[in-house]
Amino acid sequence: MARWSRGVLPLAAALAIVLLIFAAVSVPGWFARDKDGFTDPAIASDMVGLLTALLIPLQLLLIGFAMRGFQQAWNVGVEHPADTGRRGSSAAAPAWTGAPMTPPSPTATVA
């Protein structure tokens, strides 16, 4: 079973910001490759420019969802006692007897 890592959401948002910057800077360059002297890439440069431009809103969505998840504390784990809270655990939680535990009186005498 995979364990949740605390730093995944902010790390995903940070990497999305970096990719967003690279995509925003490179989009005009892909559409400006119509001049002489440029070699044609394997995919048409207009198609690469379009795919790069589509990355921008995708990265904005990723940043938004990661930050919303971080705000909802998805990165916080909840601890459970060892005898309860596990899947497949047959041990039941101890029942409450209803009587509060009181400490012995300091004036009690031992016979």
PDB file of N, CA and C in Angstrom:
ATOM      1  N   MET A   1       0.834  -1.166   0.000  1.00  0.00           N
ATOM      2  CA  MET A   1       0.000   0.000   0.000  1.00  0.00           C
ATOM      3  C   MET A   1       0.886   1.239   0.000  1.00  0.00           C
ATOM      4  N   ALA A   2       0.601   2.179  -0.850  1.00  0.00           N
ATOM      5  CA  ALA A   2       1.392   3.395  -0.950  1.00  0.00           C
ATOM      6  C   ALA A   2       1.031   4.359   0.176  1.00  0.00           C
ATOM      7  N   ARG A   3       2.016   5.013   0.711  1.00  0.00           N
ATOM      8  CA  ARG A   3       1.793   5.981   1.784  1.00  0.00           C
ATOM      9  C   ARG A   3       1.780   7.382   1.189  1.00  0.00           C
ATOM     10  N   TRP A   4       0.979   8.254   1.776  1.00  0.00           N
ATOM     11  CA  TRP A   4       0.859   9.635   1.299  1.00  0.00           C
ATOM     12  C   TRP A   4       2.072  10.422   1.768  1.00  0.00           C
ATOM     13  N   SER A   5       2.636  11.190   0.866  1.00  0.00           N
ATOM     14  CA  SER A   5       3.763  12.036   1.194  1.00  0.00           C
ATOM     15  C   SER A   5       3.276  13.464   1.399  1.00  0.00           C
ATOM     16  N   ARG A   6       3.757  14.114   2.436  1.00  0.00           N
ATOM     17  CA  ARG A   6       3.257  15.443   2.797  1.00  0.00           C
ATOM     18  C   ARG A   6       3.561  16.496   1.750  1.00  0.00           C
ATOM     19  N   GLY A   7       4.653  16.392   1.036  1.00  0.00           N
ATOM     20  CA  GLY A   7       5.069  17.472   0.151  1.00  0.00           C
ATOM     21  C   GLY A   7       4.652  17.333  -1.290  1.00  0.00           C
ATOM     22  N   VAL A   8       3.767  16.413  -1.612  1.00  0.00           N
ATOM     23  CA  VAL A   8       3.425  16.171  -3.012  1.00  0.00           C
ATOM     24  C   VAL A   8       2.618  17.321  -3.619  1.00  0.00           C
ATOM     25  N   LEU A   9       1.637  17.844  -2.905  1.00  0.00           N
ATOM     26  CA  LEU A   9       0.783  18.892  -3.476  1.00  0.00           C
ATOM     27  C   LEU A   9       1.538  20.188  -3.733  1.00  0.00           C
ATOM     28  N   PRO A  10       2.295  20.728  -2.789  1.00  0.00           N
ATOM     29  CA  PRO A  10       3.038  21.941  -3.110  1.00  0.00           C
ATOM     30  C   PRO A  10       4.117  21.710  -4.157  1.00  0.00           C
ATOM     31  N   LEU A  11       4.708  20.516  -4.161  1.00  0.00           N
ATOM     32  CA  LEU A  11       5.722  20.213  -5.167  1.00  0.00           C
ATOM     33  C   LEU A  11       5.100  20.141  -6.558  1.00  0.00           C
ATOM     34  N   ALA A  12       3.934  19.550  -6.674  1.00  0.00           N
ATOM     35  CA  ALA A  12       3.245  19.494  -7.961  1.00  0.00           C
ATOM     36  C   ALA A  12       2.888  20.894  -8.447  1.00  0.00           C
ATOM     37  N   ALA A  13       2.443  21.744  -7.537  1.00  0.00           N
ATOM     38  CA  ALA A  13       2.113  23.118  -7.919  1.00  0.00           C
ATOM     39  C   ALA A  13       3.364  23.882  -8.341  1.00  0.00           C
ATOM     40  N   ALA A  14       4.466  23.683  -7.650  1.00  0.00           N
ATOM     41  CA  ALA A  14       5.705  24.383  -8.002  1.00  0.00           C
ATOM     42  C   ALA A  14       6.223  23.943  -9.366  1.00  0.00           C
ATOM     43  N   LEU A  15       6.192  22.653  -9.626  1.00  0.00           N
ATOM     44  CA  LEU A  15       6.633  22.168 -10.933  1.00  0.00           C
ATOM     45  C   LEU A  15       5.697  22.626 -12.046  1.00  0.00           C
ATOM     46  N   ALA A  16       4.410  22.731 -11.750  1.00  0.00           N
ATOM     47  CA  ALA A  16       3.462  23.239 -12.736  1.00  0.00           C
ATOM     48  C   ALA A  16       3.727  24.703 -13.046  1.00  0.00           C
ATOM     49  N   ILE A  17       4.145  25.470 -12.048  1.00  0.00           N
ATOM     50  CA  ILE A  17       4.481  26.877 -12.284  1.00  0.00           C
ATOM     51  C   ILE A  17       5.686  26.989 -13.200  1.00  0.00           C
ATOM     52  N   VAL A  18       6.702  26.148 -12.966  1.00  0.00           N
ATOM     53  CA  VAL A  18       7.893  26.167 -13.822  1.00  0.00           C
ATOM     54  C   VAL A  18       7.528  25.790 -15.257  1.00  0.00           C
ATOM     55  N   LEU A  19       6.741  24.731 -15.425  1.00  0.00           N
ATOM     56  CA  LEU A  19       6.330  24.313 -16.765  1.00  0.00           C
ATOM     57  C   LEU A  19       5.449  25.373 -17.423  1.00  0.00           C
ATOM     58  N   LEU A  20       4.623  26.038 -16.639  1.00  0.00           N
ATOM     59  CA  LEU A  20       3.781  27.118 -17.161  1.00  0.00           C
ATOM     60  C   LEU A  20       4.644  28.253 -17.711  1.00  0.00           C
ATOM     61  N   ILE A  21       5.696  28.608 -16.998  1.00  0.00           N
ATOM     62  CA  ILE A  21       6.592  29.667 -17.467  1.00  0.00           C
ATOM     63  C   ILE A  21       7.278  29.261 -18.761  1.00  0.00           C
ATOM     64  N   PHE A  22       7.797  28.034 -18.811  1.00  0.00           N
ATOM     65  CA  PHE A  22       8.454  27.561 -20.040  1.00  0.00           C
ATOM     66  C   PHE A  22       7.476  27.533 -21.211  1.00  0.00           C
ATOM     67  N   ALA A  23       6.258  27.084 -20.966  1.00  0.00           N
ATOM     68  CA  ALA A  23       5.271  27.017 -22.050  1.00  0.00           C
ATOM     69  C   ALA A  23       4.894  28.415 -22.524  1.00  0.00           C
ATOM     70  N   ALA A  24       4.687  29.342 -21.602  1.00  0.00           N
ATOM     71  CA  ALA A  24       4.294  30.692 -21.983  1.00  0.00           C
ATOM     72  C   ALA A  24       5.393  31.394 -22.778  1.00  0.00           C
ATOM     73  N   VAL A  25       6.644  31.113 -22.448  1.00  0.00           N
ATOM     74  CA  VAL A  25       7.752  31.741 -23.167  1.00  0.00           C
ATOM     75  C   VAL A  25       7.945  31.108 -24.544  1.00  0.00           C
ATOM     76  N   SER A  26       7.700  29.812 -24.671  1.00  0.00           N
ATOM     77  CA  SER A  26       8.018  29.128 -25.926  1.00  0.00           C
ATOM     78  C   SER A  26       6.912  29.160 -26.973  1.00  0.00           C
ATOM     79  N   VAL A  27       5.674  29.446 -26.569  1.00  0.00           N
ATOM     80  CA  VAL A  27       4.565  29.427 -27.537  1.00  0.00           C
ATOM     81  C   VAL A  27       4.802  30.384 -28.701  1.00  0.00           C
ATOM     82  N   PRO A  28       5.160  31.659 -28.478  1.00  0.00           N
ATOM     83  CA  PRO A  28       5.361  32.549 -29.636  1.00  0.00           C
ATOM     84  C   PRO A  28       6.492  32.079 -30.550  1.00  0.00           C
ATOM     85  N   GLY A  29       7.505  31.443 -29.972  1.00  0.00           N
ATOM     86  CA  GLY A  29       8.618  30.959 -30.789  1.00  0.00           C
ATOM     87  C   GLY A  29       8.210  29.860 -31.747  1.00  0.00           C
ATOM     88  N   TRP A  30       7.291  28.991 -31.328  1.00  0.00           N
ATOM     89  CA  TRP A  30       6.852  27.916 -32.208  1.00  0.00           C
ATOM     90  C   TRP A  30       6.013  28.461 -33.371  1.00  0.00           C
ATOM     91  N   PHE A  31       5.235  29.495 -33.116  1.00  0.00           N
ATOM     92  CA  PHE A  31       4.432  30.063 -34.201  1.00  0.00           C
ATOM     93  C   PHE A  31       5.256  30.962 -35.115  1.00  0.00           C
ATOM     94  N   ALA A  32       6.450  31.371 -34.712  1.00  0.00           N
ATOM     95  CA  ALA A  32       7.301  32.249 -35.521  1.00  0.00           C
ATOM     96  C   ALA A  32       8.314  31.469 -36.352  1.00  0.00           C
ATOM     97  N   ARG A  33       8.141  30.185 -36.513  1.00  0.00           N
ATOM     98  CA  ARG A  33       9.107  29.372 -37.267  1.00  0.00           C
ATOM     99  C   ARG A  33       8.783  29.312 -38.756  1.00  0.00           C
ATOM    100  N   ASP A  34       8.015  30.265 -39.270  1.00  0.00           N
ATOM    101  CA  ASP A  34       7.672  30.262 -40.693  1.00  0.00           C
ATOM    102  C   ASP A  34       8.748  30.905 -41.560  1.00  0.00           C
ATOM    103  N   LYS A  35       9.802  31.406 -40.979  1.00  0.00           N
ATOM    104  CA  LYS A  35      10.843  32.125 -41.710  1.00  0.00           C
ATOM    105  C   LYS A  35      11.851  31.159 -42.320  1.00  0.00           C
ATOM    106  N   ASP A  36      12.662  31.673 -43.262  1.00  0.00           N
ATOM    107  CA  ASP A  36      13.711  30.869 -43.882  1.00  0.00           C
ATOM    108  C   ASP A  36      14.823  30.597 -42.874  1.00  0.00           C
ATOM    109  N   GLY A  37      15.446  29.452 -42.995  1.00  0.00           N
ATOM    110  CA  GLY A  37      16.563  29.095 -42.140  1.00  0.00           C
ATOM    111  C   GLY A  37      16.198  28.129 -41.024  1.00  0.00           C
ATOM    112  N   PHE A  38      14.934  27.962 -40.767  1.00  0.00           N
ATOM    113  CA  PHE A  38      14.511  27.010 -39.750  1.00  0.00           C
ATOM    114  C   PHE A  38      14.251  25.661 -40.396  1.00  0.00           C
ATOM    115  N   THR A  39      14.716  24.597 -39.751  1.00  0.00           N
ATOM    116  CA  THR A  39      14.406  23.262 -40.268  1.00  0.00           C
ATOM    117  C   THR A  39      13.039  22.858 -39.732  1.00  0.00           C
ATOM    118  N   ASP A  40      12.334  22.079 -40.523  1.00  0.00           N
ATOM    119  CA  ASP A  40      11.010  21.641 -40.105  1.00  0.00           C
ATOM    120  C   ASP A  40      11.146  20.504 -39.083  1.00  0.00           C
ATOM    121  N   PRO A  41      10.453  20.600 -37.957  1.00  0.00           N
ATOM    122  CA  PRO A  41      10.484  19.495 -36.989  1.00  0.00           C
ATOM    123  C   PRO A  41       9.649  18.323 -37.490  1.00  0.00           C
ATOM    124  N   ALA A  42       9.704  17.206 -36.781  1.00  0.00           N
ATOM    125  CA  ALA A  42       8.953  16.012 -37.179  1.00  0.00           C
ATOM    126  C   ALA A  42       7.454  16.292 -37.194  1.00  0.00           C
ATOM    127  N   ILE A  43       6.989  17.110 -36.271  1.00  0.00           N
ATOM    128  CA  ILE A  43       5.591  17.543 -36.235  1.00  0.00           C
ATOM    129  C   ILE A  43       5.585  18.991 -36.698  1.00  0.00           C
ATOM    130  N   ALA A  44       4.549  19.408 -37.386  1.00  0.00           N
ATOM    131  CA  ALA A  44       4.471  20.788 -37.869  1.00  0.00           C
ATOM    132  C   ALA A  44       4.607  21.761 -36.697  1.00  0.00           C
ATOM    133  N   SER A  45       5.326  22.846 -36.927  1.00  0.00           N
ATOM    134  CA  SER A  45       5.593  23.790 -35.845  1.00  0.00           C
ATOM    135  C   SER A  45       4.314  24.440 -35.319  1.00  0.00           C
ATOM    136  N   ASP A  46       3.314  24.612 -36.177  1.00  0.00           N
ATOM    137  CA  ASP A  46       2.038  25.159 -35.700  1.00  0.00           C
ATOM    138  C   ASP A  46       1.353  24.185 -34.731  1.00  0.00           C
ATOM    139  N   MET A  47       1.477  22.891 -35.004  1.00  0.00           N
ATOM    140  CA  MET A  47       0.885  21.888 -34.109  1.00  0.00           C
ATOM    141  C   MET A  47       1.617  21.866 -32.763  1.00  0.00           C
ATOM    142  N   VAL A  48       2.942  21.963 -32.796  1.00  0.00           N
ATOM    143  CA  VAL A  48       3.704  21.996 -31.544  1.00  0.00           C
ATOM    144  C   VAL A  48       3.360  23.264 -30.766  1.00  0.00           C
ATOM    145  N   GLY A  49       3.198  24.386 -31.467  1.00  0.00           N
ATOM    146  CA  GLY A  49       2.797  25.629 -30.814  1.00  0.00           C
ATOM    147  C   GLY A  49       1.419  25.506 -30.173  1.00  0.00           C
ATOM    148  N   LEU A  50       0.481  24.847 -30.870  1.00  0.00           N
ATOM    149  CA  LEU A  50      -0.854  24.647 -30.323  1.00  0.00           C
ATOM    150  C   LEU A  50      -0.818  23.740 -29.088  1.00  0.00           C
ATOM    151  N   LEU A  51      -0.066  22.648 -29.165  1.00  0.00           N
ATOM    152  CA  LEU A  51       0.049  21.752 -28.008  1.00  0.00           C
ATOM    153  C   LEU A  51       0.706  22.449 -26.819  1.00  0.00           C
ATOM    154  N   THR A  52       1.705  23.279 -27.108  1.00  0.00           N
ATOM    155  CA  THR A  52       2.354  24.020 -26.038  1.00  0.00           C
ATOM    156  C   THR A  52       1.400  25.054 -25.439  1.00  0.00           C
ATOM    157  N   ALA A  53       0.595  25.676 -26.282  1.00  0.00           N
ATOM    158  CA  ALA A  53      -0.389  26.649 -25.792  1.00  0.00           C
ATOM    159  C   ALA A  53      -1.468  25.957 -24.951  1.00  0.00           C
ATOM    160  N   LEU A  54      -1.817  24.723 -25.288  1.00  0.00           N
ATOM    161  CA  LEU A  54      -2.807  23.988 -24.507  1.00  0.00           C
ATOM    162  C   LEU A  54      -2.269  23.578 -23.132  1.00  0.00           C
ATOM    163  N   LEU A  55      -0.955  23.538 -22.993  1.00  0.00           N
ATOM    164  CA  LEU A  55      -0.367  23.219 -21.689  1.00  0.00           C
ATOM    165  C   LEU A  55      -0.607  24.325 -20.666  1.00  0.00           C
ATOM    166  N   ILE A  56      -0.758  25.557 -21.124  1.00  0.00           N
ATOM    167  CA  ILE A  56      -0.903  26.684 -20.196  1.00  0.00           C
ATOM    168  C   ILE A  56      -2.175  26.557 -19.350  1.00  0.00           C
ATOM    169  N   PRO A  57      -3.373  26.401 -19.947  1.00  0.00           N
ATOM    170  CA  PRO A  57      -4.545  26.241 -19.075  1.00  0.00           C
ATOM    171  C   PRO A  57      -4.511  24.934 -18.269  1.00  0.00           C
ATOM    172  N   LEU A  58      -3.894  23.901 -18.818  1.00  0.00           N
ATOM    173  CA  LEU A  58      -3.770  22.647 -18.076  1.00  0.00           C
ATOM    174  C   LEU A  58      -2.924  22.839 -16.815  1.00  0.00           C
ATOM    175  N   GLN A  59      -1.847  23.593 -16.923  1.00  0.00           N
ATOM    176  CA  GLN A  59      -0.999  23.852 -15.764  1.00  0.00           C
ATOM    177  C   GLN A  59      -1.712  24.749 -14.751  1.00  0.00           C
ATOM    178  N   LEU A  60      -2.499  25.706 -15.234  1.00  0.00           N
ATOM    179  CA  LEU A  60      -3.272  26.545 -14.325  1.00  0.00           C
ATOM    180  C   LEU A  60      -4.283  25.710 -13.533  1.00  0.00           C
ATOM    181  N   LEU A  61      -4.916  24.749 -14.200  1.00  0.00           N
ATOM    182  CA  LEU A  61      -5.844  23.853 -13.498  1.00  0.00           C
ATOM    183  C   LEU A  61      -5.116  22.991 -12.474  1.00  0.00           C
ATOM    184  N   LEU A  62      -3.960  22.486 -12.845  1.00  0.00           N
ATOM    185  CA  LEU A  62      -3.184  21.671 -11.920  1.00  0.00           C
ATOM    186  C   LEU A  62      -2.775  22.476 -10.694  1.00  0.00           C
ATOM    187  N   ILE A  63      -2.334  23.701 -10.891  1.00  0.00           N
ATOM    188  CA  ILE A  63      -1.952  24.559  -9.777  1.00  0.00           C
ATOM    189  C   ILE A  63      -3.168  24.820  -8.885  1.00  0.00           C
ATOM    190  N   GLY A  64      -4.296  25.140  -9.498  1.00  0.00           N
ATOM    191  CA  GLY A  64      -5.505  25.423  -8.731  1.00  0.00           C
ATOM    192  C   GLY A  64      -5.981  24.241  -7.908  1.00  0.00           C
ATOM    193  N   PHE A  65      -6.024  23.056  -8.519  1.00  0.00           N
ATOM    194  CA  PHE A  65      -6.472  21.867  -7.791  1.00  0.00           C
ATOM    195  C   PHE A  65      -5.489  21.466  -6.696  1.00  0.00           C
ATOM    196  N   ALA A  66      -4.190  21.589  -6.967  1.00  0.00           N
ATOM    197  CA  ALA A  66      -3.197  21.238  -5.944  1.00  0.00           C
ATOM    198  C   ALA A  66      -3.283  22.186  -4.753  1.00  0.00           C
ATOM    199  N   MET A  67      -3.450  23.465  -5.022  1.00  0.00           N
ATOM    200  CA  MET A  67      -3.553  24.414  -3.915  1.00  0.00           C
ATOM    201  C   MET A  67      -4.870  24.255  -3.154  1.00  0.00           C
ATOM    202  N   ARG A  68      -5.938  23.920  -3.862  1.00  0.00           N
ATOM    203  CA  ARG A  68      -7.216  23.670  -3.183  1.00  0.00           C
ATOM    204  C   ARG A  68      -7.112  22.424  -2.294  1.00  0.00           C
ATOM    205  N   GLY A  69      -6.467  21.398  -2.804  1.00  0.00           N
ATOM    206  CA  GLY A  69      -6.253  20.197  -1.998  1.00  0.00           C
ATOM    207  C   GLY A  69      -5.363  20.470  -0.804  1.00  0.00           C
ATOM    208  N   PHE A  70      -4.348  21.298  -0.968  1.00  0.00           N
ATOM    209  CA  PHE A  70      -3.476  21.647   0.151  1.00  0.00           C
ATOM    210  C   PHE A  70      -4.241  22.459   1.187  1.00  0.00           C
ATOM    211  N   GLN A  71      -5.161  23.308   0.730  1.00  0.00           N
ATOM    212  CA  GLN A  71      -5.979  24.100   1.635  1.00  0.00           C
ATOM    213  C   GLN A  71      -6.930  23.205   2.443  1.00  0.00           C
ATOM    214  N   GLN A  72      -7.371  22.104   1.861  1.00  0.00           N
ATOM    215  CA  GLN A  72      -8.276  21.189   2.544  1.00  0.00           C
ATOM    216  C   GLN A  72      -7.534  20.198   3.431  1.00  0.00           C
ATOM    217  N   ALA A  73      -6.234  20.360   3.533  1.00  0.00           N
ATOM    218  CA  ALA A  73      -5.383  19.528   4.395  1.00  0.00           C
ATOM    219  C   ALA A  73      -5.408  18.061   3.976  1.00  0.00           C
ATOM    220  N   TRP A  74      -5.368  17.800   2.679  1.00  0.00           N
ATOM    221  CA  TRP A  74      -5.267  16.425   2.196  1.00  0.00           C
ATOM    222  C   TRP A  74      -3.917  15.830   2.551  1.00  0.00           C
ATOM    223  N   ASN A  75      -2.975  16.690   2.868  1.00  0.00           N
ATOM    224  CA  ASN A  75      -1.640  16.210   3.172  1.00  0.00           C
ATOM    225  C   ASN A  75      -1.482  15.826   4.635  1.00  0.00           C
ATOM    226  N   VAL A  76      -2.513  15.996   5.444  1.00  0.00           N
ATOM    227  CA  VAL A  76      -2.427  15.697   6.870  1.00  0.00           C
ATOM    228  C   VAL A  76      -2.964  14.296   7.115  1.00  0.00           C
ATOM    229  N   GLY A  77      -2.147  13.477   7.728  1.00  0.00           N
ATOM    230  CA  GLY A  77      -2.578  12.120   8.055  1.00  0.00           C
ATOM    231  C   GLY A  77      -3.277  12.083   9.399  1.00  0.00           C
ATOM    232  N   VAL A  78      -4.197  11.170   9.553  1.00  0.00           N
ATOM    233  CA  VAL A  78      -4.928  11.006  10.804  1.00  0.00           C
ATOM    234  C   VAL A  78      -4.431   9.734  11.455  1.00  0.00           C
ATOM    235  N   GLU A  79      -4.015   9.866  12.701  1.00  0.00           N
ATOM    236  CA  GLU A  79      -3.522   8.692  13.409  1.00  0.00           C
ATOM    237  C   GLU A  79      -4.676   7.977  14.082  1.00  0.00           C
ATOM    238  N   HIS A  80      -4.628   6.649  14.048  1.00  0.00           N
ATOM    239  CA  HIS A  80      -5.620   5.802  14.692  1.00  0.00           C
ATOM    240  C   HIS A  80      -4.914   4.938  15.720  1.00  0.00           C
ATOM    241  N   PRO A  81      -5.585   4.592  16.798  1.00  0.00           N
ATOM    242  CA  PRO A  81      -4.977   3.659  17.756  1.00  0.00           C
ATOM    243  C   PRO A  81      -4.655   2.331  17.076  1.00  0.00           C
ATOM    244  N   ALA A  82      -3.730   1.614  17.645  1.00  0.00           N
ATOM    245  CA  ALA A  82      -3.269   0.374  17.028  1.00  0.00           C
ATOM    246  C   ALA A  82      -4.373  -0.669  16.918  1.00  0.00           C
ATOM    247  N   ASP A  83      -5.348  -0.683  17.851  1.00  0.00           N
ATOM    248  CA  ASP A  83      -6.359  -1.731  17.818  1.00  0.00           C
ATOM    249  C   ASP A  83      -7.603  -1.352  17.030  1.00  0.00           C
ATOM    250  N   THR A  84      -7.728  -0.112  16.598  1.00  0.00           N
ATOM    251  CA  THR A  84      -8.912   0.292  15.841  1.00  0.00           C
ATOM    252  C   THR A  84      -8.494   1.030  14.583  1.00  0.00           C
ATOM    253  N   GLY A  85      -9.413   1.115  13.664  1.00  0.00           N
ATOM    254  CA  GLY A  85      -9.199   1.924  12.480  1.00  0.00           C
ATOM    255  C   GLY A  85      -8.534   1.228  11.317  1.00  0.00           C
ATOM    256  N   ARG A  86      -8.119   0.000  11.481  1.00  0.00           N
ATOM    257  CA  ARG A  86      -7.494  -0.710  10.375  1.00  0.00           C
ATOM    258  C   ARG A  86      -8.528  -1.508   9.615  1.00  0.00           C
ATOM    259  N   ARG A  87      -8.317  -1.611   8.345  1.00  0.00           N
ATOM    260  CA  ARG A  87      -9.218  -2.447   7.542  1.00  0.00           C
ATOM    261  C   ARG A  87      -8.957  -3.901   7.874  1.00  0.00           C
ATOM    262  N   GLY A  88      -9.999  -4.647   8.000  1.00  0.00           N
ATOM    263  CA  GLY A  88      -9.864  -6.069   8.263  1.00  0.00           C
ATOM    264  C   GLY A  88      -9.568  -6.380   9.716  1.00  0.00           C
ATOM    265  N   SER A  89      -9.544  -5.388  10.555  1.00  0.00           N
ATOM    266  CA  SER A  89      -9.275  -5.633  11.967  1.00  0.00           C
ATOM    267  C   SER A  89     -10.537  -6.180  12.623  1.00  0.00           C
ATOM    268  N   SER A  90     -10.387  -7.291  13.297  1.00  0.00           N
ATOM    269  CA  SER A  90     -11.552  -7.888  13.940  1.00  0.00           C
ATOM    270  C   SER A  90     -11.690  -7.434  15.387  1.00  0.00           C
ATOM    271  N   ALA A  91     -10.692  -6.753  15.908  1.00  0.00           N
ATOM    272  CA  ALA A  91     -10.757  -6.302  17.298  1.00  0.00           C
ATOM    273  C   ALA A  91     -11.695  -5.110  17.399  1.00  0.00           C
ATOM    274  N   ALA A  92     -12.631  -5.204  18.306  1.00  0.00           N
ATOM    275  CA  ALA A  92     -13.582  -4.108  18.499  1.00  0.00           C
ATOM    276  C   ALA A  92     -13.000  -3.099  19.472  1.00  0.00           C
ATOM    277  N   ALA A  93     -13.454  -1.869  19.370  1.00  0.00           N
ATOM    278  CA  ALA A  93     -13.018  -0.825  20.286  1.00  0.00           C
ATOM    279  C   ALA A  93     -13.587  -1.119  21.666  1.00  0.00           C
ATOM    280  N   PRO A  94     -12.838  -0.811  22.710  1.00  0.00           N
ATOM    281  CA  PRO A  94     -13.350  -1.088  24.055  1.00  0.00           C
ATOM    282  C   PRO A  94     -14.602  -0.263  24.325  1.00  0.00           C
ATOM    283  N   ALA A  95     -15.565  -0.889  24.978  1.00  0.00           N
ATOM    284  CA  ALA A  95     -16.832  -0.213  25.267  1.00  0.00           C
ATOM    285  C   ALA A  95     -16.662   0.689  26.472  1.00  0.00           C
ATOM    286  N   TRP A  96     -17.395   1.772  26.487  1.00  0.00           N
ATOM    287  CA  TRP A  96     -17.364   2.705  27.611  1.00  0.00           C
ATOM    288  C   TRP A  96     -18.323   2.198  28.672  1.00  0.00           C
ATOM    289  N   THR A  97     -17.851   2.130  29.899  1.00  0.00           N
ATOM    290  CA  THR A  97     -18.687   1.580  30.975  1.00  0.00           C
ATOM    291  C   THR A  97     -19.619   2.618  31.563  1.00  0.00           C
ATOM    292  N   GLY A  98     -19.370   3.871  31.330  1.00  0.00           N
ATOM    293  CA  GLY A  98     -20.238   4.915  31.835  1.00  0.00           C
ATOM    294  C   GLY A  98     -19.797   5.470  33.160  1.00  0.00           C
ATOM    295  N   ALA A  99     -18.974   4.761  33.894  1.00  0.00           N
ATOM    296  CA  ALA A  99     -18.518   5.246  35.189  1.00  0.00           C
ATOM    297  C   ALA A  99     -17.193   5.976  35.003  1.00  0.00           C
ATOM    298  N   PRO A 100     -17.111   7.216  35.451  1.00  0.00           N
ATOM    299  CA  PRO A 100     -15.844   7.927  35.310  1.00  0.00           C
ATOM    300  C   PRO A 100     -14.799   7.370  36.264  1.00  0.00           C
ATOM    301  N   MET A 101     -13.568   7.433  35.859  1.00  0.00           N
ATOM    302  CA  MET A 101     -12.486   6.959  36.715  1.00  0.00           C
ATOM    303  C   MET A 101     -12.153   8.074  37.702  1.00  0.00           C
ATOM    304  N   THR A 102     -12.184   7.761  38.984  1.00  0.00           N
ATOM    305  CA  THR A 102     -11.858   8.756  40.001  1.00  0.00           C
ATOM    306  C   THR A 102     -10.624   8.312  40.742  1.00  0.00           C
ATOM    307  N   PRO A 103      -9.760   9.246  41.044  1.00  0.00           N
ATOM    308  CA  PRO A 103      -8.550   8.867  41.788  1.00  0.00           C
ATOM    309  C   PRO A 103      -8.907   8.558  43.238  1.00  0.00           C
ATOM    310  N   PRO A 104      -8.117   7.746  43.938  1.00  0.00           N
ATOM    311  CA  PRO A 104      -8.404   7.437  45.335  1.00  0.00           C
ATOM    312  C   PRO A 104      -8.291   8.685  46.185  1.00  0.00           C
ATOM    313  N   SER A 105      -9.066   8.745  47.202  1.00  0.00           N
ATOM    314  CA  SER A 105      -9.082   9.890  48.108  1.00  0.00           C
ATOM    315  C   SER A 105      -7.782   9.916  48.906  1.00  0.00           C
ATOM    316  N   PRO A 106      -7.195  11.077  49.118  1.00  0.00           N
ATOM    317  CA  PRO A 106      -5.922  11.130  49.869  1.00  0.00           C
ATOM    318  C   PRO A 106      -6.107  10.818  51.356  1.00  0.00           C
ATOM    319  N   THR A 107      -7.334  10.882  51.858  1.00  0.00           N
ATOM    320  CA  THR A 107      -7.560  10.595  53.282  1.00  0.00           C
ATOM    321  C   THR A 107      -7.965   9.153  53.539  1.00  0.00           C
ATOM    322  N   ALA A 108      -8.003   8.347  52.518  1.00  0.00           N
ATOM    323  CA  ALA A 108      -8.398   6.948  52.700  1.00  0.00           C
ATOM    324  C   ALA A 108      -7.324   6.218  53.488  1.00  0.00           C
ATOM    325  N   THR A 109      -7.759   5.365  54.355  1.00  0.00           N
ATOM    326  CA  THR A 109      -6.824   4.587  55.174  1.00  0.00           C
ATOM    327  C   THR A 109      -6.825   3.156  54.706  1.00  0.00           C
ATOM    328  N   VAL A 110      -5.718   2.572  54.829  1.00  0.00           N
ATOM    329  CA  VAL A 110      -5.580   1.173  54.451  1.00  0.00           C
ATOM    330  C   VAL A 110      -5.648   0.340  55.705  1.00  0.00           C
ATOM    331  N   ALA A 111      -6.501  -0.662  55.746  1.00  0.00           N
ATOM    332  CA  ALA A 111      -6.673  -1.475  56.950  1.00  0.00           C
ATOM    333  C   ALA A 111      -5.708  -2.600  57.016  1.00  0.00           C
TER     334      ALA A 111
END
